[in-house]
């Protein structure tokens, strides 16, 4: 996901994407630990996606912890 795409998301879409990105990062870490993951560069990309989404959320003043528990 590019930064411009992240900035264009609405608040609720941003939180949903963040939840999906965290779930994807977890799955990638799990697959890497079991030896199933072939493209390990995807781990770094997933971390950058999460960081990008968190940066935009914090700049908008969204309480990420509260919003992720709500959904």
C-alpha atoms as a PDB file:
ATOM      1  CA  UNK A   1       0.000   0.000   0.000  1.00  0.00           C
ATOM      2  CA  UNK A   2       1.325   3.416  -0.920  1.00  0.00           C
ATOM      3  CA  UNK A   3       1.276   6.432   1.372  1.00  0.00           C
ATOM      4  CA  UNK A   4      -1.092   8.330  -0.906  1.00  0.00           C
ATOM      5  CA  UNK A   5      -3.577   5.453  -0.731  1.00  0.00           C
ATOM      6  CA  UNK A   6      -3.344   5.473   3.044  1.00  0.00           C
ATOM      7  CA  UNK A   7      -4.048   9.204   3.294  1.00  0.00           C
ATOM      8  CA  UNK A   8      -7.132   8.840   1.085  1.00  0.00           C
ATOM      9  CA  UNK A   9      -8.833   6.307   3.380  1.00  0.00           C
ATOM     10  CA  UNK A  10     -11.680   7.294   5.684  1.00  0.00           C
ATOM     11  CA  UNK A  11     -11.196   6.784   9.417  1.00  0.00           C
ATOM     12  CA  UNK A  12     -13.192   3.544   9.665  1.00  0.00           C
ATOM     13  CA  UNK A  13     -11.493   2.130   6.554  1.00  0.00           C
ATOM     14  CA  UNK A  14      -8.128   3.065   8.024  1.00  0.00           C
ATOM     15  CA  UNK A  15      -8.824   1.136  11.225  1.00  0.00           C
ATOM     16  CA  UNK A  16     -10.075  -1.871   9.233  1.00  0.00           C
ATOM     17  CA  UNK A  17      -6.936  -1.857   7.063  1.00  0.00           C
ATOM     18  CA  UNK A  18      -4.796  -1.644  10.188  1.00  0.00           C
ATOM     19  CA  UNK A  19      -6.482  -4.689  11.692  1.00  0.00           C
ATOM     20  CA  UNK A  20      -6.019  -6.593   8.423  1.00  0.00           C
ATOM     21  CA  UNK A  21      -2.359  -5.579   8.201  1.00  0.00           C
ATOM     22  CA  UNK A  22      -1.666  -6.726  11.756  1.00  0.00           C
ATOM     23  CA  UNK A  23      -3.359 -10.064  11.048  1.00  0.00           C
ATOM     24  CA  UNK A  24      -1.338 -10.466   7.846  1.00  0.00           C
ATOM     25  CA  UNK A  25       1.917  -9.704   9.691  1.00  0.00           C
ATOM     26  CA  UNK A  26       1.050 -12.313  12.307  1.00  0.00           C
ATOM     27  CA  UNK A  27       0.327 -14.920   9.639  1.00  0.00           C
ATOM     28  CA  UNK A  28       3.569 -14.123   7.823  1.00  0.00           C
ATOM     29  CA  UNK A  29       5.598 -14.427  11.027  1.00  0.00           C
ATOM     30  CA  UNK A  30       3.925 -17.750  11.787  1.00  0.00           C
ATOM     31  CA  UNK A  31       4.581 -19.087   8.282  1.00  0.00           C
ATOM     32  CA  UNK A  32       8.198 -17.901   8.485  1.00  0.00           C
ATOM     33  CA  UNK A  33       8.712 -19.686  11.811  1.00  0.00           C
ATOM     34  CA  UNK A  34       7.343 -22.954  10.405  1.00  0.00           C
ATOM     35  CA  UNK A  35       9.439 -22.688   7.251  1.00  0.00           C
ATOM     36  CA  UNK A  36       6.539 -22.275   4.819  1.00  0.00           C
ATOM     37  CA  UNK A  37       7.264 -18.682   3.805  1.00  0.00           C
ATOM     38  CA  UNK A  38       9.322 -18.383   0.633  1.00  0.00           C
ATOM     39  CA  UNK A  39       9.168 -14.622   0.063  1.00  0.00           C
ATOM     40  CA  UNK A  40      10.599 -13.295   3.323  1.00  0.00           C
ATOM     41  CA  UNK A  41      10.729  -9.724   2.029  1.00  0.00           C
ATOM     42  CA  UNK A  42       6.981  -9.596   2.572  1.00  0.00           C
ATOM     43  CA  UNK A  43       7.643  -9.497   6.340  1.00  0.00           C
ATOM     44  CA  UNK A  44       9.332  -6.110   6.049  1.00  0.00           C
ATOM     45  CA  UNK A  45       6.650  -4.809   3.719  1.00  0.00           C
ATOM     46  CA  UNK A  46       3.948  -5.813   6.207  1.00  0.00           C
ATOM     47  CA  UNK A  47       5.763  -3.966   9.003  1.00  0.00           C
ATOM     48  CA  UNK A  48       6.049  -0.850   6.855  1.00  0.00           C
ATOM     49  CA  UNK A  49       2.330  -1.016   6.007  1.00  0.00           C
ATOM     50  CA  UNK A  50       1.458  -1.165   9.704  1.00  0.00           C
ATOM     51  CA  UNK A  51       3.781   1.745  10.489  1.00  0.00           C
ATOM     52  CA  UNK A  52       2.333   3.808   7.643  1.00  0.00           C
ATOM     53  CA  UNK A  53      -1.244   3.160   8.800  1.00  0.00           C
ATOM     54  CA  UNK A  54      -0.390   3.942  12.423  1.00  0.00           C
ATOM     55  CA  UNK A  55       1.301   7.196  11.422  1.00  0.00           C
ATOM     56  CA  UNK A  56      -1.748   8.395   9.520  1.00  0.00           C
ATOM     57  CA  UNK A  57      -4.089   7.309  12.317  1.00  0.00           C
ATOM     58  CA  UNK A  58      -2.081   9.151  14.951  1.00  0.00           C
ATOM     59  CA  UNK A  59      -1.843  12.287  12.843  1.00  0.00           C
ATOM     60  CA  UNK A  60      -5.646  12.288  12.584  1.00  0.00           C
ATOM     61  CA  UNK A  61      -5.988  11.813  16.318  1.00  0.00           C
ATOM     62  CA  UNK A  62      -7.547   8.363  16.134  1.00  0.00           C
ATOM     63  CA  UNK A  63      -7.168   6.313  19.316  1.00  0.00           C
ATOM     64  CA  UNK A  64      -6.013   3.097  17.674  1.00  0.00           C
ATOM     65  CA  UNK A  65      -6.242   0.923  20.792  1.00  0.00           C
ATOM     66  CA  UNK A  66      -9.843   1.910  21.470  1.00  0.00           C
ATOM     67  CA  UNK A  67     -10.893   1.557  17.847  1.00  0.00           C
ATOM     68  CA  UNK A  68      -9.378  -1.892  17.362  1.00  0.00           C
ATOM     69  CA  UNK A  69     -11.100  -3.209  20.493  1.00  0.00           C
ATOM     70  CA  UNK A  70     -14.431  -1.818  19.292  1.00  0.00           C
ATOM     71  CA  UNK A  71     -14.434  -3.832  16.059  1.00  0.00           C
END
